[in-house]
Amino acid sequence: MRTVRIIGPGRAGRSLSSALSRRGWKVVGLLGRDDDQTGAAAGVDVLVLATPDDTLAEVAGGILPSASTVVVHLSGSLGLDVLAPHPRRGALHPLVPLPTPEVGDHRLTSGVTFAVAGDPVVRDMAEALGGRAVEVADQDRAAYHAAACIAANHVVALLGQVERVAATAGLPLDAFLGLTRAAVDDVASLGPAEALTGPARRGDWATLSRHRAALRPDERPGYNAGVALAVKLADDDRGSVVVAGGTAADATTDPGDDLPEVRAPLHLVHGALPVGAA
């Protein structure tokens, strides 16, 4: 039986503590900021630092190193250097939201992906939790974590905008969640480019302009950014042309919007619709 001690009794630390306990690991302590952490690495196989990113270096530096203990952080964006001076280091970042310890406990053992680096013990942890481990090198962790935040945090923020805009039409958010789930399912089965539908996909700039006119000014920058991303996705494999002063640019910008120049797919500029566009 592997023994583990965790520093950080927040959502991540408590989720991991419960999940590892259920999978046969012996959790011998969950330390907080007011506890003496100096000897935390002694007497355990693994010491997990489940603390905020901006405190990791300070927390790690205040713990006496142990030659036999692997010190692991849960950060997605930081490398292993933040764990100096500990000789055995690892990183274990779960690709799943942990909104509460109860939900987190369940999700960590539901077959999720873990981004790992460093000592092989982090792969053992991922496998013990029933997950899949993928190696992410230190130099790639910032880009990896940016993708993770886009996949989770940005999607949640966009649904917050859906909720606000839908309310102006007298509709609740849950009226649109089936649409979101279907779109995510389509991405999983077809890939983003083939799953993309809607007016930006088919070049219906008049509809996009009507959307913008219906939105409050403070909602337009987010909407504009989404349209620009949809146009970029549709453009990726087809070649592009810059629309200067045309309806495509008008659909995604207005005076006062600080947005990059919009590129429209060649097939949209010339009026051709791809088969199956909706």
Protein backbone atom coordinates (compact mmCIF):
# COMPACT_ATOMS: atom_id res chain seq x y z
CA MET A 1 0.00 0.00 0.00
CA ARG A 2 1.39 3.40 -1.03
CA THR A 3 1.24 6.16 1.58
CA VAL A 4 0.54 9.76 0.65
CA ARG A 5 0.29 13.02 2.53
CA ILE A 6 -1.48 16.03 1.00
CA ILE A 7 -0.88 19.69 1.68
CA GLY A 8 -3.89 21.83 0.76
CA PRO A 9 -7.35 21.01 2.15
CA GLY A 10 -9.20 22.76 -0.67
CA ARG A 11 -11.35 21.24 -3.40
CA ALA A 12 -8.48 19.54 -5.23
CA GLY A 13 -6.75 18.23 -2.10
CA ARG A 14 -9.90 16.85 -0.54
CA SER A 15 -11.09 15.35 -3.83
CA LEU A 16 -7.76 13.57 -4.32
CA SER A 17 -7.59 12.44 -0.70
CA SER A 18 -10.98 10.74 -0.90
CA ALA A 19 -10.40 9.28 -4.37
CA LEU A 20 -7.00 7.77 -3.51
CA SER A 21 -8.34 6.36 -0.25
CA ARG A 22 -11.09 4.56 -2.13
CA ARG A 23 -8.52 3.14 -4.56
CA GLY A 24 -6.33 1.58 -1.90
CA TRP A 25 -3.80 4.30 -1.13
CA LYS A 26 -3.21 5.22 2.51
CA VAL A 27 -3.70 8.97 3.03
CA VAL A 28 -1.95 9.85 6.29
CA GLY A 29 -2.70 13.54 6.52
CA LEU A 30 -4.29 16.60 4.94
CA LEU A 31 -2.34 19.65 6.07
CA GLY A 32 -3.46 23.28 5.91
CA ARG A 33 -1.60 26.58 5.99
CA ASP A 34 -1.66 26.73 9.79
CA ASP A 35 -0.05 23.31 10.20
CA ASP A 36 3.68 22.73 10.57
CA GLN A 37 4.70 21.50 7.13
CA THR A 38 8.47 21.37 7.64
CA GLY A 39 8.62 17.58 7.99
CA ALA A 40 5.74 16.78 5.67
CA ALA A 41 7.91 14.75 3.27
CA ALA A 42 9.07 12.35 6.00
CA GLY A 43 7.56 8.88 6.34
CA VAL A 44 5.46 8.81 3.15
CA ASP A 45 5.94 7.58 -0.39
CA VAL A 46 4.34 10.64 -1.96
CA LEU A 47 3.74 14.20 -0.80
CA VAL A 48 1.15 16.06 -2.88
CA LEU A 49 1.10 19.86 -2.89
CA ALA A 50 -2.51 20.79 -3.70
CA THR A 51 -1.94 24.50 -3.23
CA PRO A 52 -2.48 27.50 -5.54
CA ASP A 53 0.14 27.92 -8.27
CA ASP A 54 1.46 31.18 -6.88
CA THR A 55 2.28 29.55 -3.52
CA LEU A 56 3.85 26.30 -4.77
CA ALA A 57 7.47 27.44 -4.77
CA GLU A 58 7.18 28.89 -1.27
CA VAL A 59 5.44 25.79 0.11
CA ALA A 60 7.91 23.40 -1.53
CA GLY A 61 10.87 25.45 -0.31
CA GLY A 62 9.66 25.27 3.30
CA ILE A 63 9.63 21.46 3.41
CA LEU A 64 12.73 19.45 4.33
CA PRO A 65 13.67 17.22 1.37
CA SER A 66 13.56 13.45 1.65
CA ALA A 67 15.59 11.26 -0.68
CA SER A 68 12.86 8.62 -0.85
CA THR A 69 9.71 10.78 -1.10
CA VAL A 70 8.25 11.96 -4.39
CA VAL A 71 6.90 15.51 -4.13
CA VAL A 72 4.05 16.07 -6.60
CA HIS A 73 2.14 19.20 -7.58
CA LEU A 74 -1.28 19.39 -9.25
CA SER A 75 -0.59 22.48 -11.38
CA GLY A 76 -1.40 22.37 -15.06
CA SER A 77 0.79 25.29 -16.12
CA LEU A 78 3.94 24.93 -13.99
CA GLY A 79 6.95 22.70 -14.54
CA LEU A 80 8.94 20.60 -12.11
CA ASP A 81 11.45 23.32 -11.26
CA VAL A 82 8.92 24.89 -8.88
CA LEU A 83 9.43 21.88 -6.59
CA ALA A 84 13.10 22.58 -5.89
CA PRO A 85 14.98 21.51 -3.77
CA HIS A 86 13.26 18.10 -3.67
CA PRO A 87 15.22 15.40 -5.54
CA ARG A 88 12.21 13.35 -6.67
CA ARG A 89 9.51 15.44 -8.34
CA GLY A 90 6.33 14.88 -10.28
CA ALA A 91 3.30 16.64 -11.72
CA LEU A 92 -0.24 15.26 -11.88
CA HIS A 93 -2.95 17.48 -13.40
CA PRO A 94 -6.46 16.05 -13.87
CA LEU A 95 -8.29 17.19 -16.99
CA VAL A 96 -11.61 17.55 -15.21
CA PRO A 97 -13.31 20.30 -13.18
CA LEU A 98 -13.39 19.76 -9.41
CA PRO A 99 -16.16 22.13 -8.26
CA THR A 100 -16.70 20.38 -4.91
CA PRO A 101 -14.82 17.61 -3.06
CA GLU A 102 -17.79 15.26 -3.48
CA VAL A 103 -18.05 15.80 -7.23
CA GLY A 104 -14.28 15.81 -7.55
CA ASP A 105 -13.94 12.47 -5.76
CA HIS A 106 -16.30 10.86 -8.28
CA ARG A 107 -14.77 12.52 -11.33
CA LEU A 108 -11.18 11.65 -10.45
CA THR A 109 -12.11 7.96 -10.59
CA SER A 110 -14.31 8.17 -13.70
CA GLY A 111 -11.62 7.43 -16.29
CA VAL A 112 -10.33 10.95 -16.91
CA THR A 113 -7.05 12.03 -18.48
CA PHE A 114 -4.15 13.17 -16.28
CA ALA A 115 -1.26 15.27 -17.59
CA VAL A 116 1.85 13.89 -15.93
CA ALA A 117 5.56 14.65 -15.78
CA GLY A 118 8.56 13.57 -13.76
CA ASP A 119 8.77 10.57 -11.45
CA PRO A 120 6.96 7.41 -12.62
CA VAL A 121 4.90 7.39 -9.43
CA VAL A 122 2.53 9.95 -11.00
CA ARG A 123 1.60 7.38 -13.65
CA ASP A 124 0.93 4.90 -10.86
CA MET A 125 -1.39 7.47 -9.24
CA ALA A 126 -3.26 8.08 -12.49
CA GLU A 127 -3.66 4.34 -13.09
CA ALA A 128 -4.75 3.74 -9.50
CA LEU A 129 -7.53 6.27 -10.06
CA GLY A 130 -8.58 4.45 -13.24
CA GLY A 131 -7.39 7.29 -15.49
CA ARG A 132 -5.21 7.72 -18.56
CA ALA A 133 -1.81 9.39 -18.23
CA VAL A 134 -0.39 11.64 -20.96
CA GLU A 135 3.12 13.11 -20.76
CA VAL A 136 3.34 16.91 -20.97
CA ALA A 137 6.87 18.32 -20.86
CA ASP A 138 7.70 21.42 -18.85
CA GLN A 139 8.10 23.60 -21.95
CA ASP A 140 4.64 22.60 -23.18
CA ARG A 141 2.69 22.99 -19.96
CA ALA A 142 1.62 26.62 -20.46
CA ALA A 143 0.12 25.81 -23.89
CA TYR A 144 -1.44 22.62 -22.53
CA HIS A 145 -3.03 24.49 -19.64
CA ALA A 146 -4.28 27.25 -21.95
CA ALA A 147 -6.07 24.58 -23.98
CA ALA A 148 -7.52 23.11 -20.79
CA CYS A 149 -8.83 26.50 -19.68
CA ILE A 150 -10.38 27.14 -23.10
CA ALA A 151 -12.03 23.70 -22.98
CA ALA A 152 -13.56 24.25 -19.55
CA ASN A 153 -13.44 27.81 -18.20
CA HIS A 154 -14.10 29.55 -21.52
CA VAL A 155 -16.98 27.23 -22.35
CA VAL A 156 -18.55 27.99 -18.97
CA ALA A 157 -18.09 31.72 -19.54
CA LEU A 158 -19.73 31.42 -22.97
CA LEU A 159 -22.70 29.64 -21.42
CA GLY A 160 -22.92 32.53 -18.99
CA GLN A 161 -23.35 34.77 -22.02
CA VAL A 162 -25.96 32.38 -23.44
CA GLU A 163 -27.88 32.69 -20.17
CA ARG A 164 -27.80 36.50 -20.26
CA VAL A 165 -28.76 36.83 -23.93
CA ALA A 166 -31.46 34.15 -23.68
CA ALA A 167 -33.00 36.01 -20.74
CA THR A 168 -33.57 39.04 -22.97
CA ALA A 169 -35.77 36.79 -25.13
CA GLY A 170 -37.57 35.43 -22.09
CA LEU A 171 -35.91 32.00 -22.16
CA PRO A 172 -33.94 30.05 -19.53
CA LEU A 173 -30.46 28.64 -20.01
CA ASP A 174 -31.64 25.04 -19.87
CA ALA A 175 -33.54 25.52 -23.13
CA PHE A 176 -30.14 25.69 -24.85
CA LEU A 177 -28.16 23.03 -23.00
CA GLY A 178 -29.36 20.21 -25.25
CA LEU A 179 -27.94 22.18 -28.19
CA THR A 180 -24.61 22.52 -26.39
CA ARG A 181 -24.47 18.82 -25.53
CA ALA A 182 -25.24 17.85 -29.13
CA ALA A 183 -22.54 20.18 -30.42
CA VAL A 184 -19.96 18.66 -28.05
CA ASP A 185 -21.04 15.15 -29.11
CA ASP A 186 -20.58 16.16 -32.76
CA VAL A 187 -17.07 17.45 -32.02
CA ALA A 188 -16.23 14.12 -30.36
CA SER A 189 -17.44 12.09 -33.34
CA LEU A 190 -16.62 14.39 -36.28
CA GLY A 191 -13.95 16.82 -35.11
CA PRO A 192 -14.41 20.59 -34.70
CA ALA A 193 -14.27 21.56 -38.38
CA GLU A 194 -16.93 19.08 -39.50
CA ALA A 195 -19.10 19.73 -36.44
CA LEU A 196 -19.28 23.48 -37.03
CA THR A 197 -22.67 24.71 -38.29
CA GLY A 198 -24.48 28.03 -38.20
CA PRO A 199 -24.33 31.41 -39.94
CA ALA A 200 -20.56 31.97 -39.60
CA ARG A 201 -19.98 28.52 -41.13
CA ARG A 202 -22.17 29.20 -44.14
CA GLY A 203 -21.29 32.89 -44.61
CA ASP A 204 -24.67 34.34 -43.64
CA TRP A 205 -23.32 37.76 -42.73
CA ALA A 206 -26.77 39.40 -42.73
CA THR A 207 -27.89 37.09 -39.93
CA LEU A 208 -24.73 37.81 -37.96
CA SER A 209 -25.42 41.53 -38.31
CA ARG A 210 -28.96 41.06 -36.99
CA HIS A 211 -27.54 39.17 -34.02
CA ARG A 212 -25.18 42.02 -33.22
CA ALA A 213 -27.93 44.59 -33.50
CA ALA A 214 -30.00 42.62 -30.96
CA LEU A 215 -27.17 42.42 -28.43
CA ARG A 216 -26.32 44.95 -25.76
CA PRO A 217 -23.05 46.75 -26.55
CA ASP A 218 -21.27 45.04 -23.65
CA GLU A 219 -22.18 41.60 -25.05
CA ARG A 220 -20.83 42.27 -28.54
CA PRO A 221 -17.08 41.80 -27.92
CA GLY A 222 -17.62 38.23 -26.72
CA TYR A 223 -19.96 37.49 -29.61
CA ASN A 224 -17.51 39.04 -32.09
CA ALA A 225 -14.70 36.88 -30.76
CA GLY A 226 -16.84 33.76 -31.17
CA VAL A 227 -17.69 34.65 -34.77
CA ALA A 228 -14.03 35.28 -35.54
CA LEU A 229 -13.12 31.85 -34.13
CA ALA A 230 -15.88 30.18 -36.15
CA VAL A 231 -14.67 31.90 -39.33
CA LYS A 232 -11.09 30.83 -38.59
CA LEU A 233 -12.20 27.22 -38.06
CA ALA A 234 -14.15 27.19 -41.33
CA ASP A 235 -11.17 28.80 -43.06
CA ASP A 236 -8.48 26.43 -41.82
CA ASP A 237 -8.44 23.96 -44.72
CA ARG A 238 -9.84 26.08 -47.52
CA GLY A 239 -7.56 29.07 -48.01
CA SER A 240 -8.67 32.58 -47.12
CA VAL A 241 -9.05 36.11 -48.30
CA VAL A 242 -9.14 39.25 -46.17
CA VAL A 243 -12.53 40.90 -46.38
CA ALA A 244 -11.76 44.62 -46.27
CA GLY A 245 -14.83 46.75 -45.69
CA GLY A 246 -17.23 44.01 -46.78
CA THR A 247 -20.16 42.44 -45.00
CA ALA A 248 -18.05 39.76 -43.33
CA ALA A 249 -15.96 42.37 -41.54
CA ASP A 250 -19.09 44.37 -40.73
CA ALA A 251 -20.59 41.29 -39.10
CA THR A 252 -17.76 40.94 -36.61
CA THR A 253 -16.59 44.48 -35.90
CA ASP A 254 -17.98 47.87 -35.14
CA PRO A 255 -16.48 51.21 -34.06
CA GLY A 256 -14.85 50.83 -30.68
CA ASP A 257 -14.33 47.06 -30.92
CA ASP A 258 -10.66 46.24 -30.58
CA LEU A 259 -10.63 43.07 -32.70
CA PRO A 260 -8.18 41.64 -35.22
CA GLU A 261 -8.96 41.80 -38.93
CA VAL A 262 -11.41 39.10 -39.93
CA ARG A 263 -10.50 36.58 -42.59
CA ALA A 264 -13.35 34.92 -44.47
CA PRO A 265 -13.06 31.55 -46.23
CA LEU A 266 -12.69 31.78 -50.00
CA HIS A 267 -15.72 29.55 -50.56
CA LEU A 268 -17.82 31.98 -48.50
CA VAL A 269 -16.55 35.06 -50.32
CA HIS A 270 -17.45 33.47 -53.64
CA GLY A 271 -20.83 32.30 -52.37
CA ALA A 272 -20.31 28.56 -52.50
CA LEU A 273 -21.78 26.51 -49.68
CA PRO A 274 -20.07 23.31 -48.51
CA VAL A 275 -22.18 20.18 -48.71
CA GLY A 276 -24.24 19.72 -45.58
CA ALA A 277 -23.71 23.23 -44.18
CA ALA A 278 -26.54 24.25 -41.89
